[in-house]
Amino acid sequence: MTDPGIVLRKLTSLREHVGRLRRRRSGDLDSFRIDVDRQDALSMSLLVAIQDALDIALHIASDEGWGVPASYGEAFTLLADHGAIEQTLAAELAAMAALRNRLAHGYASVAAERVWNELPAGLASLDAFAAAMARHLGGIAPA
């Protein structure tokens, strides 16, 4: 059985980092492009938020006995296959997991434009994921 306390802590962290991401994405792309410190801060919060979502997905899949995903993206597919999230949300989150991998491993550095442009949809997906996980666990909600 899934430990709601673990999930709640991860959901709280996820939502805190999503809030930071929204604050750091102020202004326009040109100002973001030249502000390397803000790029780094935004990228780190994005990496942590996505990792929190992955940790939740992996925790639930493991505790529910749904199997071990072959990739981070597949962790979200497992949740969708068992009705915890919608398939479209799983696909969106799998794309975020791919972006997380690029950020974490520094694959030729991720272009500031890509992060800037993908962030609004990614934040919406992370918000939808947090809400779905709270519903899945019986309505718990992080502070």
N, C-alpha and C. Protein backbone atom coordinates (compact mmCIF):
# COMPACT_ATOMS: atom_id res chain seq x y z
N MET A 1 0.84 -1.19 0.00
CA MET A 1 0.00 0.00 0.00
C MET A 1 0.88 1.24 0.00
N THR A 2 0.46 2.22 -0.73
CA THR A 2 1.21 3.46 -0.84
C THR A 2 1.20 4.23 0.47
N ASP A 3 2.36 4.72 0.86
CA ASP A 3 2.48 5.53 2.08
C ASP A 3 2.11 6.98 1.74
N PRO A 4 0.94 7.46 2.18
CA PRO A 4 0.53 8.82 1.84
C PRO A 4 1.47 9.89 2.37
N GLY A 5 2.14 9.63 3.48
CA GLY A 5 3.07 10.62 4.03
C GLY A 5 4.23 10.90 3.09
N ILE A 6 4.77 9.86 2.49
CA ILE A 6 5.86 10.04 1.53
C ILE A 6 5.37 10.83 0.33
N VAL A 7 4.21 10.45 -0.19
CA VAL A 7 3.67 11.14 -1.36
C VAL A 7 3.36 12.59 -1.02
N LEU A 8 2.81 12.84 0.14
CA LEU A 8 2.47 14.21 0.54
C LEU A 8 3.72 15.08 0.60
N ARG A 9 4.80 14.56 1.16
CA ARG A 9 6.05 15.33 1.21
C ARG A 9 6.55 15.66 -0.18
N LYS A 10 6.49 14.68 -1.07
CA LYS A 10 6.93 14.91 -2.46
C LYS A 10 6.00 15.89 -3.18
N LEU A 11 4.69 15.78 -2.94
CA LEU A 11 3.75 16.72 -3.55
C LEU A 11 3.99 18.14 -3.07
N THR A 12 4.29 18.28 -1.79
CA THR A 12 4.57 19.61 -1.24
C THR A 12 5.81 20.20 -1.91
N SER A 13 6.86 19.42 -2.03
CA SER A 13 8.08 19.89 -2.70
C SER A 13 7.81 20.22 -4.16
N LEU A 14 7.06 19.35 -4.84
CA LEU A 14 6.74 19.59 -6.25
C LEU A 14 6.03 20.94 -6.39
N ARG A 15 5.02 21.16 -5.57
CA ARG A 15 4.26 22.41 -5.68
C ARG A 15 5.10 23.63 -5.31
N GLU A 16 6.00 23.50 -4.36
CA GLU A 16 6.89 24.62 -4.02
C GLU A 16 7.78 24.98 -5.20
N HIS A 17 8.31 23.97 -5.87
CA HIS A 17 9.19 24.23 -7.01
C HIS A 17 8.41 24.75 -8.21
N VAL A 18 7.19 24.31 -8.39
CA VAL A 18 6.36 24.85 -9.46
C VAL A 18 6.11 26.35 -9.21
N GLY A 19 5.88 26.71 -7.96
CA GLY A 19 5.72 28.13 -7.62
C GLY A 19 6.98 28.93 -7.93
N ARG A 20 8.12 28.39 -7.59
CA ARG A 20 9.39 29.06 -7.90
C ARG A 20 9.57 29.21 -9.40
N LEU A 21 9.21 28.18 -10.14
CA LEU A 21 9.33 28.23 -11.59
C LEU A 21 8.46 29.34 -12.17
N ARG A 22 7.26 29.48 -11.68
CA ARG A 22 6.37 30.54 -12.18
C ARG A 22 6.97 31.92 -11.88
N ARG A 23 7.53 32.09 -10.69
CA ARG A 23 8.14 33.39 -10.35
C ARG A 23 9.37 33.67 -11.21
N ARG A 24 10.17 32.65 -11.46
CA ARG A 24 11.41 32.84 -12.21
C ARG A 24 11.18 33.00 -13.71
N ARG A 25 10.00 32.70 -14.20
CA ARG A 25 9.73 32.82 -15.62
C ARG A 25 9.10 34.19 -15.93
N SER A 26 9.31 35.14 -15.08
CA SER A 26 8.79 36.48 -15.34
C SER A 26 9.64 37.16 -16.41
N GLY A 27 9.09 38.21 -16.99
CA GLY A 27 9.82 38.93 -18.03
C GLY A 27 9.62 38.28 -19.39
N ASP A 28 10.62 38.45 -20.23
CA ASP A 28 10.51 37.91 -21.59
C ASP A 28 11.70 37.02 -21.91
N LEU A 29 11.63 36.36 -23.04
CA LEU A 29 12.66 35.42 -23.43
C LEU A 29 14.02 36.10 -23.59
N ASP A 30 14.04 37.31 -24.13
CA ASP A 30 15.33 37.99 -24.33
C ASP A 30 16.04 38.24 -23.01
N SER A 31 15.30 38.69 -21.99
CA SER A 31 15.94 38.93 -20.68
C SER A 31 16.35 37.60 -20.05
N PHE A 32 15.56 36.57 -20.25
CA PHE A 32 15.90 35.25 -19.72
C PHE A 32 17.16 34.71 -20.41
N ARG A 33 17.25 34.90 -21.71
CA ARG A 33 18.36 34.37 -22.49
C ARG A 33 19.71 34.92 -22.01
N ILE A 34 19.72 36.15 -21.54
CA ILE A 34 21.00 36.75 -21.12
C ILE A 34 21.27 36.60 -19.62
N ASP A 35 20.30 36.11 -18.87
CA ASP A 35 20.44 35.96 -17.42
C ASP A 35 20.77 34.51 -17.08
N VAL A 36 22.04 34.18 -17.12
CA VAL A 36 22.49 32.81 -16.91
C VAL A 36 22.15 32.33 -15.50
N ASP A 37 22.22 33.21 -14.52
CA ASP A 37 21.88 32.81 -13.15
C ASP A 37 20.41 32.40 -13.05
N ARG A 38 19.54 33.15 -13.69
CA ARG A 38 18.11 32.80 -13.67
C ARG A 38 17.87 31.52 -14.45
N GLN A 39 18.58 31.33 -15.53
CA GLN A 39 18.47 30.07 -16.29
C GLN A 39 18.85 28.89 -15.40
N ASP A 40 19.95 29.04 -14.66
CA ASP A 40 20.39 27.96 -13.77
C ASP A 40 19.37 27.70 -12.67
N ALA A 41 18.85 28.76 -12.06
CA ALA A 41 17.87 28.60 -10.98
C ALA A 41 16.60 27.96 -11.49
N LEU A 42 16.13 28.41 -12.64
CA LEU A 42 14.92 27.85 -13.21
C LEU A 42 15.14 26.38 -13.59
N SER A 43 16.27 26.09 -14.19
CA SER A 43 16.56 24.71 -14.58
C SER A 43 16.64 23.79 -13.37
N MET A 44 17.23 24.26 -12.28
CA MET A 44 17.33 23.43 -11.08
C MET A 44 15.95 23.15 -10.48
N SER A 45 15.11 24.17 -10.39
CA SER A 45 13.76 23.96 -9.86
C SER A 45 12.95 23.05 -10.78
N LEU A 46 13.16 23.18 -12.08
CA LEU A 46 12.46 22.31 -13.02
C LEU A 46 12.92 20.87 -12.84
N LEU A 47 14.19 20.68 -12.70
CA LEU A 47 14.74 19.34 -12.49
C LEU A 47 14.17 18.72 -11.21
N VAL A 48 14.13 19.49 -10.13
CA VAL A 48 13.62 18.98 -8.85
C VAL A 48 12.12 18.68 -8.95
N ALA A 49 11.35 19.56 -9.57
CA ALA A 49 9.90 19.34 -9.68
C ALA A 49 9.61 18.07 -10.48
N ILE A 50 10.30 17.90 -11.59
CA ILE A 50 10.09 16.70 -12.39
C ILE A 50 10.54 15.46 -11.62
N GLN A 51 11.66 15.57 -10.92
CA GLN A 51 12.14 14.43 -10.14
C GLN A 51 11.15 14.07 -9.03
N ASP A 52 10.55 15.08 -8.41
CA ASP A 52 9.53 14.81 -7.39
C ASP A 52 8.36 14.03 -8.01
N ALA A 53 7.92 14.45 -9.20
CA ALA A 53 6.82 13.74 -9.87
C ALA A 53 7.24 12.30 -10.18
N LEU A 54 8.45 12.13 -10.65
CA LEU A 54 8.95 10.78 -10.93
C LEU A 54 9.01 9.93 -9.66
N ASP A 55 9.49 10.52 -8.58
CA ASP A 55 9.57 9.79 -7.32
C ASP A 55 8.19 9.31 -6.88
N ILE A 56 7.20 10.18 -7.03
CA ILE A 56 5.82 9.81 -6.67
C ILE A 56 5.35 8.67 -7.56
N ALA A 57 5.55 8.81 -8.86
CA ALA A 57 5.10 7.77 -9.80
C ALA A 57 5.76 6.44 -9.50
N LEU A 58 7.06 6.46 -9.28
CA LEU A 58 7.78 5.22 -8.99
C LEU A 58 7.36 4.61 -7.67
N HIS A 59 7.14 5.46 -6.68
CA HIS A 59 6.70 4.99 -5.35
C HIS A 59 5.34 4.29 -5.45
N ILE A 60 4.40 4.95 -6.11
CA ILE A 60 3.07 4.37 -6.23
C ILE A 60 3.11 3.08 -7.05
N ALA A 61 3.79 3.11 -8.18
CA ALA A 61 3.87 1.91 -9.03
C ALA A 61 4.46 0.73 -8.25
N SER A 62 5.49 1.00 -7.48
CA SER A 62 6.13 -0.06 -6.70
C SER A 62 5.21 -0.57 -5.60
N ASP A 63 4.67 0.36 -4.83
CA ASP A 63 3.83 -0.04 -3.69
C ASP A 63 2.55 -0.73 -4.12
N GLU A 64 2.03 -0.37 -5.28
CA GLU A 64 0.80 -0.99 -5.76
C GLU A 64 1.07 -2.29 -6.52
N GLY A 65 2.36 -2.61 -6.74
CA GLY A 65 2.71 -3.84 -7.44
C GLY A 65 2.44 -3.78 -8.94
N TRP A 66 2.56 -2.59 -9.50
CA TRP A 66 2.26 -2.40 -10.92
C TRP A 66 3.45 -2.68 -11.82
N GLY A 67 4.57 -3.03 -11.25
CA GLY A 67 5.74 -3.34 -12.05
C GLY A 67 6.81 -2.27 -11.97
N VAL A 68 7.91 -2.56 -12.64
CA VAL A 68 9.05 -1.65 -12.66
C VAL A 68 9.16 -1.07 -14.07
N PRO A 69 9.05 0.24 -14.20
CA PRO A 69 9.14 0.83 -15.54
C PRO A 69 10.55 0.72 -16.11
N ALA A 70 10.62 0.63 -17.42
CA ALA A 70 11.91 0.54 -18.11
C ALA A 70 12.56 1.91 -18.28
N SER A 71 11.77 2.97 -18.09
CA SER A 71 12.30 4.33 -18.24
C SER A 71 11.50 5.26 -17.33
N TYR A 72 12.01 6.46 -17.18
CA TYR A 72 11.26 7.44 -16.40
C TYR A 72 9.91 7.75 -17.06
N GLY A 73 9.92 7.91 -18.36
CA GLY A 73 8.67 8.18 -19.06
C GLY A 73 7.64 7.09 -18.85
N GLU A 74 8.11 5.86 -18.81
CA GLU A 74 7.21 4.72 -18.62
C GLU A 74 6.60 4.71 -17.22
N ALA A 75 7.23 5.35 -16.27
CA ALA A 75 6.66 5.42 -14.92
C ALA A 75 5.29 6.08 -14.97
N PHE A 76 5.16 7.11 -15.79
CA PHE A 76 3.87 7.80 -15.91
C PHE A 76 2.87 6.95 -16.70
N THR A 77 3.36 6.20 -17.67
CA THR A 77 2.50 5.30 -18.44
C THR A 77 1.89 4.25 -17.52
N LEU A 78 2.69 3.72 -16.59
CA LEU A 78 2.16 2.75 -15.62
C LEU A 78 1.00 3.33 -14.82
N LEU A 79 1.15 4.57 -14.39
CA LEU A 79 0.06 5.21 -13.64
C LEU A 79 -1.19 5.32 -14.51
N ALA A 80 -0.99 5.70 -15.77
CA ALA A 80 -2.13 5.84 -16.67
C ALA A 80 -2.78 4.48 -16.95
N ASP A 81 -1.96 3.47 -17.13
CA ASP A 81 -2.49 2.13 -17.39
C ASP A 81 -3.36 1.62 -16.25
N HIS A 82 -3.15 2.16 -15.06
CA HIS A 82 -3.92 1.73 -13.89
C HIS A 82 -4.94 2.78 -13.44
N GLY A 83 -5.18 3.77 -14.28
CA GLY A 83 -6.23 4.74 -14.03
C GLY A 83 -5.90 5.84 -13.05
N ALA A 84 -4.66 5.97 -12.64
CA ALA A 84 -4.29 7.01 -11.68
C ALA A 84 -4.18 8.38 -12.35
N ILE A 85 -3.81 8.42 -13.63
CA ILE A 85 -3.76 9.65 -14.42
C ILE A 85 -4.26 9.32 -15.82
N GLU A 86 -4.57 10.35 -16.58
CA GLU A 86 -5.01 10.18 -17.97
C GLU A 86 -3.81 9.86 -18.87
N GLN A 87 -4.06 9.15 -19.95
CA GLN A 87 -3.00 8.82 -20.91
C GLN A 87 -2.35 10.07 -21.50
N THR A 88 -3.14 11.10 -21.79
CA THR A 88 -2.57 12.33 -22.36
C THR A 88 -1.62 13.00 -21.36
N LEU A 89 -2.00 12.99 -20.09
CA LEU A 89 -1.12 13.55 -19.06
C LEU A 89 0.15 12.73 -18.94
N ALA A 90 0.03 11.41 -19.03
CA ALA A 90 1.21 10.55 -18.98
C ALA A 90 2.18 10.89 -20.11
N ALA A 91 1.66 11.14 -21.30
CA ALA A 91 2.52 11.50 -22.43
C ALA A 91 3.20 12.85 -22.21
N GLU A 92 2.45 13.81 -21.68
CA GLU A 92 3.03 15.12 -21.38
C GLU A 92 4.14 15.00 -20.33
N LEU A 93 3.90 14.21 -19.30
CA LEU A 93 4.89 14.03 -18.24
C LEU A 93 6.10 13.23 -18.73
N ALA A 94 5.89 12.31 -19.65
CA ALA A 94 7.02 11.58 -20.24
C ALA A 94 7.93 12.55 -21.00
N ALA A 95 7.33 13.53 -21.67
CA ALA A 95 8.13 14.55 -22.35
C ALA A 95 8.91 15.39 -21.34
N MET A 96 8.29 15.68 -20.20
CA MET A 96 8.98 16.42 -19.15
C MET A 96 10.13 15.58 -18.57
N ALA A 97 9.92 14.27 -18.47
CA ALA A 97 10.98 13.39 -17.98
C ALA A 97 12.17 13.41 -18.94
N ALA A 98 11.89 13.47 -20.24
CA ALA A 98 12.98 13.56 -21.22
C ALA A 98 13.73 14.87 -21.06
N LEU A 99 13.00 15.96 -20.81
CA LEU A 99 13.66 17.25 -20.57
C LEU A 99 14.48 17.17 -19.29
N ARG A 100 13.95 16.52 -18.27
CA ARG A 100 14.70 16.33 -17.02
C ARG A 100 16.01 15.62 -17.28
N ASN A 101 15.98 14.59 -18.12
CA ASN A 101 17.20 13.86 -18.43
C ASN A 101 18.23 14.77 -19.12
N ARG A 102 17.75 15.59 -20.03
CA ARG A 102 18.66 16.52 -20.72
C ARG A 102 19.28 17.51 -19.73
N LEU A 103 18.46 18.00 -18.82
CA LEU A 103 18.97 18.94 -17.81
C LEU A 103 19.96 18.25 -16.87
N ALA A 104 19.60 17.06 -16.41
CA ALA A 104 20.42 16.36 -15.42
C ALA A 104 21.77 15.94 -15.99
N HIS A 105 21.77 15.57 -17.24
CA HIS A 105 23.00 15.03 -17.83
C HIS A 105 23.72 16.03 -18.72
N GLY A 106 23.16 17.22 -18.86
CA GLY A 106 23.81 18.28 -19.61
C GLY A 106 24.08 17.96 -21.07
N TYR A 107 23.17 17.23 -21.69
CA TYR A 107 23.34 16.87 -23.09
C TYR A 107 23.45 18.11 -23.95
N ALA A 108 24.67 18.47 -24.27
CA ALA A 108 24.96 19.63 -25.13
C ALA A 108 24.24 20.87 -24.63
N SER A 109 23.98 20.92 -23.37
CA SER A 109 23.27 22.02 -22.75
C SER A 109 21.90 22.22 -23.40
N VAL A 110 20.92 22.40 -22.59
CA VAL A 110 19.56 22.62 -23.09
C VAL A 110 19.42 24.09 -23.41
N ALA A 111 18.94 24.39 -24.59
CA ALA A 111 18.79 25.78 -25.02
C ALA A 111 17.80 26.50 -24.11
N ALA A 112 18.15 27.71 -23.75
CA ALA A 112 17.27 28.53 -22.90
C ALA A 112 15.90 28.68 -23.54
N GLU A 113 15.87 28.81 -24.85
CA GLU A 113 14.61 28.96 -25.57
C GLU A 113 13.71 27.74 -25.36
N ARG A 114 14.30 26.57 -25.38
CA ARG A 114 13.51 25.35 -25.21
C ARG A 114 12.87 25.32 -23.83
N VAL A 115 13.67 25.58 -22.81
CA VAL A 115 13.13 25.58 -21.44
C VAL A 115 12.04 26.64 -21.32
N TRP A 116 12.30 27.84 -21.81
CA TRP A 116 11.35 28.95 -21.73
C TRP A 116 10.03 28.60 -22.41
N ASN A 117 10.13 28.02 -23.60
CA ASN A 117 8.94 27.74 -24.39
C ASN A 117 8.17 26.53 -23.89
N GLU A 118 8.83 25.54 -23.34
CA GLU A 118 8.16 24.32 -22.87
C GLU A 118 7.62 24.46 -21.45
N LEU A 119 8.09 25.46 -20.73
CA LEU A 119 7.74 25.55 -19.32
C LEU A 119 6.25 25.76 -19.04
N PRO A 120 5.54 26.64 -19.73
CA PRO A 120 4.11 26.81 -19.38
C PRO A 120 3.31 25.52 -19.47
N ALA A 121 3.46 24.77 -20.53
CA ALA A 121 2.73 23.50 -20.66
C ALA A 121 3.23 22.50 -19.61
N GLY A 122 4.52 22.51 -19.34
CA GLY A 122 5.07 21.61 -18.34
C GLY A 122 4.53 21.90 -16.95
N LEU A 123 4.40 23.17 -16.62
CA LEU A 123 3.85 23.53 -15.31
C LEU A 123 2.39 23.09 -15.19
N ALA A 124 1.64 23.27 -16.26
CA ALA A 124 0.25 22.83 -16.25
C ALA A 124 0.17 21.31 -16.06
N SER A 125 1.07 20.58 -16.69
CA SER A 125 1.09 19.12 -16.54
C SER A 125 1.46 18.72 -15.12
N LEU A 126 2.43 19.42 -14.54
CA LEU A 126 2.83 19.11 -13.16
C LEU A 126 1.70 19.44 -12.18
N ASP A 127 0.98 20.53 -12.41
CA ASP A 127 -0.18 20.86 -11.58
C ASP A 127 -1.25 19.78 -11.69
N ALA A 128 -1.52 19.34 -12.92
CA ALA A 128 -2.54 18.31 -13.14
C ALA A 128 -2.11 16.99 -12.47
N PHE A 129 -0.82 16.70 -12.55
CA PHE A 129 -0.31 15.48 -11.92
C PHE A 129 -0.49 15.55 -10.40
N ALA A 130 -0.12 16.68 -9.79
CA ALA A 130 -0.26 16.82 -8.34
C ALA A 130 -1.71 16.65 -7.91
N ALA A 131 -2.62 17.25 -8.65
CA ALA A 131 -4.05 17.12 -8.32
C ALA A 131 -4.51 15.67 -8.47
N ALA A 132 -4.07 15.01 -9.53
CA ALA A 132 -4.46 13.61 -9.76
C ALA A 132 -3.91 12.70 -8.66
N MET A 133 -2.71 12.96 -8.21
CA MET A 133 -2.13 12.12 -7.16
C MET A 133 -2.85 12.34 -5.84
N ALA A 134 -3.23 13.58 -5.56
CA ALA A 134 -3.99 13.84 -4.34
C ALA A 134 -5.33 13.11 -4.39
N ARG A 135 -6.00 13.14 -5.55
CA ARG A 135 -7.26 12.41 -5.70
C ARG A 135 -7.04 10.91 -5.57
N HIS A 136 -5.98 10.42 -6.19
CA HIS A 136 -5.69 8.98 -6.16
C HIS A 136 -5.51 8.48 -4.72
N LEU A 137 -4.93 9.32 -3.90
CA LEU A 137 -4.66 8.92 -2.52
C LEU A 137 -5.79 9.33 -1.56
N GLY A 138 -6.92 9.66 -2.12
CA GLY A 138 -8.08 9.93 -1.26
C GLY A 138 -8.25 11.37 -0.86
N GLY A 139 -7.78 12.28 -1.68
CA GLY A 139 -8.05 13.69 -1.43
C GLY A 139 -7.06 14.41 -0.56
N ILE A 140 -5.90 13.79 -0.28
CA ILE A 140 -4.90 14.53 0.50
C ILE A 140 -4.44 15.72 -0.31
N ALA A 141 -4.07 16.77 0.34
CA ALA A 141 -3.59 17.96 -0.37
C ALA A 141 -2.43 18.57 0.39
N PRO A 142 -1.34 18.83 -0.32
CA PRO A 142 -0.21 19.48 0.35
C PRO A 142 -0.55 20.90 0.73
N ALA A 143 0.15 21.41 1.70
CA ALA A 143 -0.06 22.78 2.18
C ALA A 143 0.27 23.78 1.11
